[in-house]
C-alpha atoms as a PDB file:
ATOM      1  CA  MET A   1     102.664 106.272 114.124  1.00  0.00           C
ATOM      2  CA  GLY A   2     100.109 108.700 112.729  1.00  0.00           C
ATOM      3  CA  GLY A   3      97.726 110.370 115.146  1.00  0.00           C
ATOM      4  CA  ASN A   4      94.623 108.705 113.713  1.00  0.00           C
ATOM      5  CA  MET A   5      96.243 105.267 113.887  1.00  0.00           C
ATOM      6  CA  ALA A   6      97.127 105.904 117.530  1.00  0.00           C
ATOM      7  CA  ARG A   7      93.553 106.967 118.217  1.00  0.00           C
ATOM      8  CA  ARG A   8      92.168 103.803 116.632  1.00  0.00           C
ATOM      9  CA  LEU A   9      94.399 101.683 118.878  1.00  0.00           C
ATOM     10  CA  MET A  10      93.413 103.672 121.961  1.00  0.00           C
ATOM     11  CA  ARG A  11      89.737 103.127 121.179  1.00  0.00           C
ATOM     12  CA  GLU A  12      90.375  99.413 121.666  1.00  0.00           C
ATOM     13  CA  LYS A  13      92.278  99.980 124.932  1.00  0.00           C
ATOM     14  CA  HIS A  14      95.779  99.394 123.590  1.00  0.00           C
ATOM     15  CA  GLU A  15      98.511 101.206 125.523  1.00  0.00           C
ATOM     16  CA  VAL A  16     100.101 103.746 123.210  1.00  0.00           C
ATOM     17  CA  VAL A  17     103.251 105.858 123.601  1.00  0.00           C
ATOM     18  CA  VAL A  18     103.664 108.528 120.917  1.00  0.00           C
ATOM     19  CA  TYR A  19     106.588 110.566 119.658  1.00  0.00           C
ATOM     20  CA  ASP A  20     106.143 113.259 117.043  1.00  0.00           C
ATOM     21  CA  ARG A  21     108.336 116.171 116.048  1.00  0.00           C
ATOM     22  CA  SER A  22     105.301 118.338 116.674  1.00  0.00           C
ATOM     23  CA  ALA A  23     104.874 118.949 120.403  1.00  0.00           C
ATOM     24  CA  GLU A  24     101.321 120.089 119.656  1.00  0.00           C
ATOM     25  CA  ALA A  25     100.478 116.695 118.123  1.00  0.00           C
ATOM     26  CA  ILE A  26     101.889 114.893 121.161  1.00  0.00           C
ATOM     27  CA  HIS A  27      99.909 117.050 123.601  1.00  0.00           C
ATOM     28  CA  ALA A  28      96.692 116.443 121.651  1.00  0.00           C
ATOM     29  CA  LEU A  29      97.141 112.664 121.889  1.00  0.00           C
ATOM     30  CA  GLU A  30      98.124 112.855 125.558  1.00  0.00           C
ATOM     31  CA  LYS A  31      94.787 114.534 126.260  1.00  0.00           C
ATOM     32  CA  GLU A  32      93.091 111.545 124.615  1.00  0.00           C
ATOM     33  CA  GLY A  33      94.905 108.967 126.741  1.00  0.00           C
ATOM     34  CA  ALA A  34      98.260 108.300 125.104  1.00  0.00           C
ATOM     35  CA  ALA A  35     101.598 108.654 126.839  1.00  0.00           C
ATOM     36  CA  GLY A  36     103.914 111.156 125.206  1.00  0.00           C
ATOM     37  CA  ALA A  37     107.658 111.001 124.614  1.00  0.00           C
ATOM     38  CA  LYS A  38     110.058 113.836 123.831  1.00  0.00           C
ATOM     39  CA  ASP A  39     112.409 111.639 121.775  1.00  0.00           C
ATOM     40  CA  TYR A  40     113.065 108.033 120.739  1.00  0.00           C
ATOM     41  CA  ALA A  41     115.023 107.298 123.916  1.00  0.00           C
ATOM     42  CA  GLU A  42     112.071 108.226 126.106  1.00  0.00           C
ATOM     43  CA  LEU A  43     109.704 106.364 123.787  1.00  0.00           C
ATOM     44  CA  VAL A  44     111.694 103.144 124.170  1.00  0.00           C
ATOM     45  CA  LYS A  45     112.010 103.646 127.927  1.00  0.00           C
ATOM     46  CA  LYS A  46     108.239 103.964 128.352  1.00  0.00           C
ATOM     47  CA  LEU A  47     107.448 100.802 126.370  1.00  0.00           C
ATOM     48  CA  ASN A  48     107.475  97.404 128.065  1.00  0.00           C
ATOM     49  CA  PRO A  49     109.568  94.717 126.343  1.00  0.00           C
ATOM     50  CA  PRO A  50     109.182  93.077 123.966  1.00  0.00           C
ATOM     51  CA  ARG A  51     108.512  96.466 122.387  1.00  0.00           C
ATOM     52  CA  ALA A  52     106.786  97.244 119.112  1.00  0.00           C
ATOM     53  CA  VAL A  53     107.625 100.625 117.565  1.00  0.00           C
ATOM     54  CA  TRP A  54     105.463 101.645 114.610  1.00  0.00           C
ATOM     55  CA  LEU A  55     107.091 104.187 112.293  1.00  0.00           C
ATOM     56  CA  MET A  56     104.883 106.382 110.127  1.00  0.00           C
ATOM     57  CA  VAL A  57     107.349 108.742 108.447  1.00  0.00           C
ATOM     58  CA  PRO A  58     108.191 109.562 104.813  1.00  0.00           C
ATOM     59  CA  ALA A  59     110.159 106.961 102.869  1.00  0.00           C
ATOM     60  CA  GLY A  60     113.857 107.466 102.313  1.00  0.00           C
ATOM     61  CA  ALA A  61     116.103 109.451 104.645  1.00  0.00           C
ATOM     62  CA  PRO A  62     113.502 110.098 107.396  1.00  0.00           C
ATOM     63  CA  THR A  63     112.768 106.372 107.726  1.00  0.00           C
ATOM     64  CA  GLU A  64     116.465 105.491 107.495  1.00  0.00           C
ATOM     65  CA  GLU A  65     117.357 107.951 110.246  1.00  0.00           C
ATOM     66  CA  SER A  66     114.550 106.709 112.494  1.00  0.00           C
ATOM     67  CA  VAL A  67     115.546 103.059 112.096  1.00  0.00           C
ATOM     68  CA  GLU A  68     119.198 103.869 112.828  1.00  0.00           C
ATOM     69  CA  ALA A  69     118.238 105.843 115.940  1.00  0.00           C
ATOM     70  CA  LEU A  70     116.070 102.991 117.251  1.00  0.00           C
ATOM     71  CA  LYS A  71     118.666 100.346 116.431  1.00  0.00           C
ATOM     72  CA  SER A  72     120.903 101.506 119.281  1.00  0.00           C
ATOM     73  CA  LEU A  73     118.022 101.833 121.741  1.00  0.00           C
ATOM     74  CA  LEU A  74     116.003  98.658 121.251  1.00  0.00           C
ATOM     75  CA  GLU A  75     116.821  95.210 122.617  1.00  0.00           C
ATOM     76  CA  SER A  76     116.754  91.687 121.247  1.00  0.00           C
ATOM     77  CA  GLY A  77     113.150  90.589 120.765  1.00  0.00           C
ATOM     78  CA  ASP A  78     111.844  94.101 120.092  1.00  0.00           C
ATOM     79  CA  ALA A  79     110.256  94.972 116.747  1.00  0.00           C
ATOM     80  CA  ILE A  80     110.149  97.922 114.381  1.00  0.00           C
ATOM     81  CA  ILE A  81     107.143  98.197 112.078  1.00  0.00           C
ATOM     82  CA  ASP A  82     107.540 100.496 109.094  1.00  0.00           C
ATOM     83  CA  GLY A  83     104.047 101.560 108.111  1.00  0.00           C
ATOM     84  CA  GLY A  84     105.192 104.116 105.544  1.00  0.00           C
ATOM     85  CA  ASN A  85     105.801 103.594 101.846  1.00  0.00           C
ATOM     86  CA  SER A  86     109.389 102.369 101.854  1.00  0.00           C
ATOM     87  CA  TYR A  87     110.989 100.691  98.846  1.00  0.00           C
ATOM     88  CA  PHE A  88     110.876  96.926  99.373  1.00  0.00           C
ATOM     89  CA  LYS A  89     114.614  96.508  98.718  1.00  0.00           C
ATOM     90  CA  ASP A  90     115.314  98.911 101.592  1.00  0.00           C
ATOM     91  CA  ASP A  91     113.142  96.715 103.824  1.00  0.00           C
ATOM     92  CA  ILE A  92     115.226  93.653 102.979  1.00  0.00           C
ATOM     93  CA  ARG A  93     118.454  95.489 103.788  1.00  0.00           C
ATOM     94  CA  ARG A  94     117.165  96.941 107.062  1.00  0.00           C
ATOM     95  CA  SER A  95     115.727  93.623 108.175  1.00  0.00           C
ATOM     96  CA  ARG A  96     119.068  91.883 107.681  1.00  0.00           C
ATOM     97  CA  ALA A  97     120.965  94.613 109.537  1.00  0.00           C
ATOM     98  CA  LEU A  98     118.578  94.650 112.508  1.00  0.00           C
ATOM     99  CA  LYS A  99     118.543  90.874 112.724  1.00  0.00           C
ATOM    100  CA  GLU A 100     122.177  90.988 113.824  1.00  0.00           C
ATOM    101  CA  ASN A 101     120.953  92.736 116.999  1.00  0.00           C
ATOM    102  CA  GLY A 102     118.007  90.398 117.417  1.00  0.00           C
ATOM    103  CA  ILE A 103     115.573  93.164 116.453  1.00  0.00           C
ATOM    104  CA  HIS A 104     112.652  92.204 114.232  1.00  0.00           C
ATOM    105  CA  TYR A 105     111.675  94.417 111.314  1.00  0.00           C
ATOM    106  CA  LEU A 106     108.242  94.313 109.689  1.00  0.00           C
ATOM    107  CA  ASP A 107     107.100  96.258 106.648  1.00  0.00           C
ATOM    108  CA  ALA A 108     103.415  97.120 106.756  1.00  0.00           C
ATOM    109  CA  GLY A 109     101.969  98.637 103.606  1.00  0.00           C
ATOM    110  CA  THR A 110      99.121 100.812 104.865  1.00  0.00           C
ATOM    111  CA  SER A 111      96.153 102.023 102.823  1.00  0.00           C
ATOM    112  CA  GLY A 112      93.302 104.106 104.180  1.00  0.00           C
ATOM    113  CA  GLY A 113      94.487 107.697 104.179  1.00  0.00           C
ATOM    114  CA  VAL A 114      92.885 110.294 106.409  1.00  0.00           C
ATOM    115  CA  TRP A 115      89.704 108.190 106.625  1.00  0.00           C
ATOM    116  CA  GLY A 116      91.396 105.243 108.302  1.00  0.00           C
ATOM    117  CA  ILE A 117      90.462 106.189 111.846  1.00  0.00           C
ATOM    118  CA  ASP A 118      86.824 105.370 111.049  1.00  0.00           C
ATOM    119  CA  ARG A 119      87.090 102.999 108.075  1.00  0.00           C
ATOM    120  CA  GLY A 120      90.151 101.113 109.282  1.00  0.00           C
ATOM    121  CA  TYR A 121      93.418 100.533 107.443  1.00  0.00           C
ATOM    122  CA  CYS A 122      94.053  97.857 104.837  1.00  0.00           C
ATOM    123  CA  LEU A 123      97.387  96.328 105.913  1.00  0.00           C
ATOM    124  CA  MET A 124      99.852  94.378 103.754  1.00  0.00           C
ATOM    125  CA  ILE A 125     102.520  92.915 106.030  1.00  0.00           C
ATOM    126  CA  GLY A 126     105.998  91.493 105.392  1.00  0.00           C
ATOM    127  CA  GLY A 127     108.615  90.061 107.725  1.00  0.00           C
ATOM    128  CA  ASP A 128     109.037  86.900 109.764  1.00  0.00           C
ATOM    129  CA  ARG A 129     105.718  85.174 110.318  1.00  0.00           C
ATOM    130  CA  GLU A 130     106.276  84.490 114.029  1.00  0.00           C
ATOM    131  CA  THR A 131     106.660  88.189 114.832  1.00  0.00           C
ATOM    132  CA  VAL A 132     103.649  89.074 112.703  1.00  0.00           C
ATOM    133  CA  GLU A 133     101.537  86.525 114.576  1.00  0.00           C
ATOM    134  CA  ARG A 134     102.771  87.858 117.952  1.00  0.00           C
ATOM    135  CA  LEU A 135     101.727  91.394 116.984  1.00  0.00           C
ATOM    136  CA  GLU A 136      98.502  90.337 115.297  1.00  0.00           C
ATOM    137  CA  PRO A 137      96.266  92.118 117.866  1.00  0.00           C
ATOM    138  CA  ILE A 138      97.711  95.436 116.647  1.00  0.00           C
ATOM    139  CA  PHE A 139      97.023  94.633 112.998  1.00  0.00           C
ATOM    140  CA  ALA A 140      93.549  93.312 113.748  1.00  0.00           C
ATOM    141  CA  THR A 141      92.683  96.518 115.609  1.00  0.00           C
ATOM    142  CA  LEU A 142      93.933  98.849 112.895  1.00  0.00           C
ATOM    143  CA  ALA A 143      92.273  96.848 110.098  1.00  0.00           C
ATOM    144  CA  PRO A 144      88.627  97.494 109.171  1.00  0.00           C
ATOM    145  CA  GLY A 145      87.379  93.982 109.913  1.00  0.00           C
ATOM    146  CA  GLN A 146      84.899  92.227 107.657  1.00  0.00           C
ATOM    147  CA  GLY A 147      82.130  94.740 108.263  1.00  0.00           C
ATOM    148  CA  ASN A 148      79.398  94.661 105.616  1.00  0.00           C
ATOM    149  CA  THR A 149      81.743  93.396 102.900  1.00  0.00           C
ATOM    150  CA  LEU A 150      80.948  89.717 102.548  1.00  0.00           C
ATOM    151  CA  PRO A 151      83.715  87.312 101.462  1.00  0.00           C
ATOM    152  CA  SER A 152      83.822  86.611  97.738  1.00  0.00           C
ATOM    153  CA  PRO A 153      81.904  83.488  96.661  1.00  0.00           C
ATOM    154  CA  GLY A 154      84.232  80.511  96.958  1.00  0.00           C
ATOM    155  CA  ARG A 155      86.299  82.064  99.750  1.00  0.00           C
ATOM    156  CA  GLU A 156      84.820  79.631 102.313  1.00  0.00           C
ATOM    157  CA  LYS A 157      87.528  77.109 101.435  1.00  0.00           C
ATOM    158  CA  PHE A 158      90.320  79.561 102.312  1.00  0.00           C
ATOM    159  CA  LYS A 159      91.664  80.214 105.793  1.00  0.00           C
ATOM    160  CA  SER A 160      92.926  83.787 105.720  1.00  0.00           C
ATOM    161  CA  THR A 161      92.839  87.121 107.509  1.00  0.00           C
ATOM    162  CA  ALA A 162      92.264  88.896 104.173  1.00  0.00           C
ATOM    163  CA  GLU A 163      88.542  89.172 104.908  1.00  0.00           C
ATOM    164  CA  GLN A 164      89.453  91.151 108.023  1.00  0.00           C
ATOM    165  CA  GLY A 165      91.505  93.690 106.072  1.00  0.00           C
ATOM    166  CA  TYR A 166      95.054  92.611 106.900  1.00  0.00           C
ATOM    167  CA  LEU A 167      97.317  89.960 105.402  1.00  0.00           C
ATOM    168  CA  TYR A 168     100.724  88.434 105.968  1.00  0.00           C
ATOM    169  CA  CYS A 169     102.203  88.659 102.475  1.00  0.00           C
ATOM    170  CA  GLY A 170     105.576  86.976 102.961  1.00  0.00           C
ATOM    171  CA  PRO A 171     109.167  87.663 104.098  1.00  0.00           C
ATOM    172  CA  SER A 172     110.811  91.083 104.427  1.00  0.00           C
ATOM    173  CA  GLY A 173     109.754  93.515 101.725  1.00  0.00           C
ATOM    174  CA  ALA A 174     106.676  91.535 100.689  1.00  0.00           C
ATOM    175  CA  GLY A 175     104.241  93.879 102.419  1.00  0.00           C
ATOM    176  CA  HIS A 176     105.649  96.981 100.795  1.00  0.00           C
ATOM    177  CA  PHE A 177     105.927  95.205  97.442  1.00  0.00           C
ATOM    178  CA  VAL A 178     102.178  94.504  97.507  1.00  0.00           C
ATOM    179  CA  LYS A 179     101.506  98.099  98.612  1.00  0.00           C
ATOM    180  CA  MET A 180     103.755  99.361  95.807  1.00  0.00           C
ATOM    181  CA  ILE A 181     101.661  97.529  93.198  1.00  0.00           C
ATOM    182  CA  HIS A 182      98.474  98.678  94.975  1.00  0.00           C
ATOM    183  CA  ASN A 183      99.568 102.282  94.502  1.00  0.00           C
ATOM    184  CA  GLY A 184     100.576 101.668  90.895  1.00  0.00           C
ATOM    185  CA  ILE A 185      97.073 100.364  90.209  1.00  0.00           C
ATOM    186  CA  GLU A 186      95.668 103.339  92.083  1.00  0.00           C
ATOM    187  CA  TYR A 187      97.442 105.653  89.628  1.00  0.00           C
ATOM    188  CA  GLY A 188      95.786 103.872  86.696  1.00  0.00           C
ATOM    189  CA  LEU A 189      92.299 103.889  88.214  1.00  0.00           C
ATOM    190  CA  MET A 190      92.525 107.556  89.082  1.00  0.00           C
ATOM    191  CA  GLN A 191      93.735 108.422  85.605  1.00  0.00           C
ATOM    192  CA  ALA A 192      90.810 106.554  84.004  1.00  0.00           C
ATOM    193  CA  TYR A 193      88.266 108.485  86.085  1.00  0.00           C
ATOM    194  CA  ALA A 194      90.069 111.768  85.449  1.00  0.00           C
ATOM    195  CA  GLU A 195      90.146 111.326  81.682  1.00  0.00           C
ATOM    196  CA  GLY A 196      86.523 110.205  81.594  1.00  0.00           C
ATOM    197  CA  PHE A 197      85.293 113.282  83.421  1.00  0.00           C
ATOM    198  CA  ASP A 198      87.473 115.490  81.233  1.00  0.00           C
ATOM    199  CA  ILE A 199      85.777 114.073  78.108  1.00  0.00           C
ATOM    200  CA  LEU A 200      82.338 114.590  79.653  1.00  0.00           C
ATOM    201  CA  ARG A 201      83.236 118.195  80.427  1.00  0.00           C
ATOM    202  CA  GLY A 202      84.558 118.722  76.893  1.00  0.00           C
ATOM    203  CA  ALA A 203      81.267 117.597  75.355  1.00  0.00           C
ATOM    204  CA  SER A 204      79.990 121.179  75.648  1.00  0.00           C
ATOM    205  CA  LEU A 205      82.794 122.776  73.608  1.00  0.00           C
ATOM    206  CA  ASP A 206      81.697 125.304  71.003  1.00  0.00           C
ATOM    207  CA  ALA A 207      84.061 123.645  68.527  1.00  0.00           C
ATOM    208  CA  LEU A 208      81.744 120.632  68.313  1.00  0.00           C
ATOM    209  CA  PRO A 209      79.009 120.639  65.624  1.00  0.00           C
ATOM    210  CA  ASP A 210      75.508 121.820  66.461  1.00  0.00           C
ATOM    211  CA  GLY A 211      73.409 118.971  67.794  1.00  0.00           C
ATOM    212  CA  TYR A 212      76.469 117.113  69.078  1.00  0.00           C
ATOM    213  CA  ARG A 213      77.082 119.201  72.179  1.00  0.00           C
ATOM    214  CA  TYR A 214      76.010 118.212  75.679  1.00  0.00           C
ATOM    215  CA  ASP A 215      76.191 120.186  78.905  1.00  0.00           C
ATOM    216  CA  PHE A 216      76.581 117.404  81.463  1.00  0.00           C
ATOM    217  CA  ASN A 217      76.188 117.985  85.181  1.00  0.00           C
ATOM    218  CA  LEU A 218      79.372 116.288  86.379  1.00  0.00           C
ATOM    219  CA  PRO A 219      78.411 116.107  90.075  1.00  0.00           C
ATOM    220  CA  ASP A 220      75.188 114.352  89.073  1.00  0.00           C
ATOM    221  CA  VAL A 221      76.955 111.913  86.739  1.00  0.00           C
ATOM    222  CA  ALA A 222      79.454 111.004  89.466  1.00  0.00           C
ATOM    223  CA  GLU A 223      76.641 110.526  91.966  1.00  0.00           C
ATOM    224  CA  LEU A 224      74.689 108.416  89.465  1.00  0.00           C
ATOM    225  CA  TRP A 225      77.628 106.093  88.811  1.00  0.00           C
ATOM    226  CA  ARG A 226      77.947 105.401  92.537  1.00  0.00           C
ATOM    227  CA  ARG A 227      74.663 103.476  92.391  1.00  0.00           C
ATOM    228  CA  GLY A 228      74.657 100.139  90.605  1.00  0.00           C
ATOM    229  CA  SER A 229      77.363 101.035  88.086  1.00  0.00           C
ATOM    230  CA  VAL A 230      80.182  98.618  87.296  1.00  0.00           C
ATOM    231  CA  VAL A 231      82.668 101.487  87.693  1.00  0.00           C
ATOM    232  CA  GLY A 232      81.600 102.232  91.255  1.00  0.00           C
ATOM    233  CA  SER A 233      84.410 102.443  93.833  1.00  0.00           C
ATOM    234  CA  TRP A 234      85.633 104.406  96.822  1.00  0.00           C
ATOM    235  CA  LEU A 235      87.693 106.569  94.480  1.00  0.00           C
ATOM    236  CA  LEU A 236      84.482 107.411  92.629  1.00  0.00           C
ATOM    237  CA  ASP A 237      82.836 108.212  95.978  1.00  0.00           C
ATOM    238  CA  LEU A 238      85.617 110.694  96.693  1.00  0.00           C
ATOM    239  CA  THR A 239      85.391 112.166  93.196  1.00  0.00           C
ATOM    240  CA  ALA A 240      81.650 112.684  93.620  1.00  0.00           C
ATOM    241  CA  MET A 241      82.289 114.377  96.953  1.00  0.00           C
ATOM    242  CA  ALA A 242      84.888 116.715  95.455  1.00  0.00           C
ATOM    243  CA  LEU A 243      82.658 117.641  92.496  1.00  0.00           C
ATOM    244  CA  ALA A 244      79.690 118.298  94.802  1.00  0.00           C
ATOM    245  CA  GLU A 245      81.822 120.723  96.802  1.00  0.00           C
ATOM    246  CA  ASP A 246      83.363 122.443  93.771  1.00  0.00           C
ATOM    247  CA  PRO A 247      81.922 121.414  90.351  1.00  0.00           C
ATOM    248  CA  ASN A 248      84.655 123.228  88.411  1.00  0.00           C
ATOM    249  CA  LEU A 249      87.413 122.255  90.863  1.00  0.00           C
ATOM    250  CA  ASP A 250      88.529 125.870  90.816  1.00  0.00           C
ATOM    251  CA  ARG A 251      90.664 125.509  93.916  1.00  0.00           C
ATOM    252  CA  PHE A 252      92.895 122.950  92.188  1.00  0.00           C
ATOM    253  CA  THR A 253      95.534 123.818  89.624  1.00  0.00           C
ATOM    254  CA  GLY A 254      95.998 120.289  88.296  1.00  0.00           C
ATOM    255  CA  PHE A 255      99.599 119.993  89.536  1.00  0.00           C
ATOM    256  CA  VAL A 256      99.758 116.299  90.507  1.00  0.00           C
ATOM    257  CA  GLN A 257     102.644 114.955  92.564  1.00  0.00           C
ATOM    258  CA  ASP A 258     103.781 111.341  92.644  1.00  0.00           C
ATOM    259  CA  SER A 259     105.057 109.810  95.869  1.00  0.00           C
ATOM    260  CA  GLY A 260     107.408 107.138  94.557  1.00  0.00           C
ATOM    261  CA  GLU A 261     105.425 103.913  94.497  1.00  0.00           C
ATOM    262  CA  GLY A 262     104.276 104.476  90.917  1.00  0.00           C
ATOM    263  CA  ARG A 263     107.873 104.752  89.741  1.00  0.00           C
ATOM    264  CA  TRP A 264     108.878 101.644  91.693  1.00  0.00           C
ATOM    265  CA  THR A 265     105.942  99.723  90.223  1.00  0.00           C
ATOM    266  CA  ILE A 266     107.115 100.525  86.702  1.00  0.00           C
ATOM    267  CA  GLN A 267     110.664  99.543  87.634  1.00  0.00           C
ATOM    268  CA  ALA A 268     109.381  96.196  88.938  1.00  0.00           C
ATOM    269  CA  ALA A 269     107.505  95.693  85.657  1.00  0.00           C
ATOM    270  CA  ILE A 270     110.711  96.420  83.738  1.00  0.00           C
ATOM    271  CA  ASP A 271     112.693  93.988  85.925  1.00  0.00           C
ATOM    272  CA  GLN A 272     110.116  91.268  85.202  1.00  0.00           C
ATOM    273  CA  ALA A 273     109.572  92.230  81.537  1.00  0.00           C
ATOM    274  CA  VAL A 274     105.858  92.608  82.289  1.00  0.00           C
ATOM    275  CA  PRO A 275     103.969  95.081  80.038  1.00  0.00           C
ATOM    276  CA  ALA A 276     102.287  97.798  82.115  1.00  0.00           C
ATOM    277  CA  GLU A 277     101.019 100.315  79.568  1.00  0.00           C
ATOM    278  CA  VAL A 278      98.210 101.805  81.657  1.00  0.00           C
ATOM    279  CA  LEU A 279     100.249 102.146  84.846  1.00  0.00           C
ATOM    280  CA  SER A 280     103.244 103.696  83.081  1.00  0.00           C
ATOM    281  CA  ALA A 281     101.034 106.102  81.120  1.00  0.00           C
ATOM    282  CA  SER A 282      99.323 107.258  84.317  1.00  0.00           C
ATOM    283  CA  LEU A 283     102.701 107.950  85.912  1.00  0.00           C
ATOM    284  CA  PHE A 284     103.929 109.906  82.898  1.00  0.00           C
ATOM    285  CA  THR A 285     100.703 111.931  82.914  1.00  0.00           C
ATOM    286  CA  ARG A 286     101.543 113.070  86.422  1.00  0.00           C
ATOM    287  CA  PHE A 287     104.922 114.229  85.172  1.00  0.00           C
ATOM    288  CA  ARG A 288     103.200 116.182  82.393  1.00  0.00           C
ATOM    289  CA  SER A 289     100.739 117.740  84.845  1.00  0.00           C
ATOM    290  CA  ARG A 290     103.570 119.823  86.261  1.00  0.00           C
ATOM    291  CA  LYS A 291     103.993 121.561  82.920  1.00  0.00           C
ATOM    292  CA  GLU A 292     100.395 122.061  81.702  1.00  0.00           C
ATOM    293  CA  HIS A 293      97.073 121.415  83.372  1.00  0.00           C
ATOM    294  CA  THR A 294      93.786 119.974  82.164  1.00  0.00           C
ATOM    295  CA  PHE A 295      90.543 119.329  83.996  1.00  0.00           C
ATOM    296  CA  ALA A 296      91.616 115.683  84.227  1.00  0.00           C
ATOM    297  CA  GLU A 297      94.559 116.709  86.381  1.00  0.00           C
ATOM    298  CA  LYS A 298      92.268 118.762  88.596  1.00  0.00           C
ATOM    299  CA  VAL A 299      90.146 115.625  89.110  1.00  0.00           C
ATOM    300  CA  LEU A 300      93.291 113.670  90.010  1.00  0.00           C
ATOM    301  CA  SER A 301      94.409 116.352  92.436  1.00  0.00           C
ATOM    302  CA  ALA A 302      90.961 116.491  94.026  1.00  0.00           C
ATOM    303  CA  MET A 303      90.923 112.712  94.540  1.00  0.00           C
ATOM    304  CA  ARG A 304      94.360 112.773  96.170  1.00  0.00           C
ATOM    305  CA  ASN A 305      93.197 115.516  98.487  1.00  0.00           C
ATOM    306  CA  LYS A 306      90.097 113.548  99.460  1.00  0.00           C
ATOM    307  CA  PHE A 307      91.623 110.156 100.221  1.00  0.00           C
ATOM    308  CA  GLY A 308      94.980 111.211 101.610  1.00  0.00           C
ATOM    309  CA  GLY A 309      94.711 114.856 102.519  1.00  0.00           C
ATOM    310  CA  HIS A 310      97.362 115.639  99.889  1.00  0.00           C
ATOM    311  CA  VAL A 311      97.764 119.366  99.327  1.00  0.00           C
ATOM    312  CA  GLU A 312      99.019 120.623  95.986  1.00  0.00           C
ATOM    313  CA  SER A 313     102.717 121.435  96.059  1.00  0.00           C
ATOM    314  CA  LEU A 314     103.626 123.951  93.387  1.00  0.00           C
ATOM    315  CA  PRO A 315     107.140 124.155  91.919  1.00  0.00           C
ATOM    316  CA  MET A 316     109.424 126.982  92.939  1.00  0.00           C
ATOM    317  CA  GLU A 317     109.298 129.987  90.609  1.00  0.00           C
END
């Protein structure tokens, strides 16, 4: 589990045992009230059954290795919660394998980035409903709650936890499937903002005819759109913040990485024969960003840095 997630649980008096490959990270959380563990064996030993182990590690081999290590340590009735960005088909396979040992496996798509400790985390959960309901206090604590966001008109006839910021989405893989599409949409939204600001910036080019050039203040435009505009969003908030700090985004090269979910979203669209022009184009633009860079890519990179703390990773020379 990430440090900020652990801190949010501790704020609400949940007992937390943490294991991290960084001893420094463990010591920091121990000072704040968590119990530390030097490895998975000690982690399991310090938790009271039925245990709930929340994994927050990169998708692929790191998650696979962690699940395999825990499989031999946990007991029937215990649960593993994968809060990373695993591929939903991997969730289905892992869930079936762990079920043979009586171990429950939940996939929890988690959105909130580095701001989640204060804002809360939007959680999209898959697995068996009974286990999800048993562990609901954890999800309710990590989620943002309703806060100042009122339910949509007409929602009064629905009985759901969606208004609280977490949702049981269905059987194994469903949580990460919803998160996968969430991230695919995120790619498209980010690309739209990035291209828009690139066009605004280009309005001052000398190549344009006299009388048709404008020198827009991009930080001001972003700040303006945050107030009453139909394109307002948290991503715009983060863009405005980045532009206020660095109007030319000089500290960004425009090299934009993709973390997998965008590719999986397009694959799901192909499997279903669903047209996804915007989402696929936004993914391909990220591929192109690693070859040539525009201001649009700098905007994308700045947004990723703001919401997730993503640092640009340049290719090897």
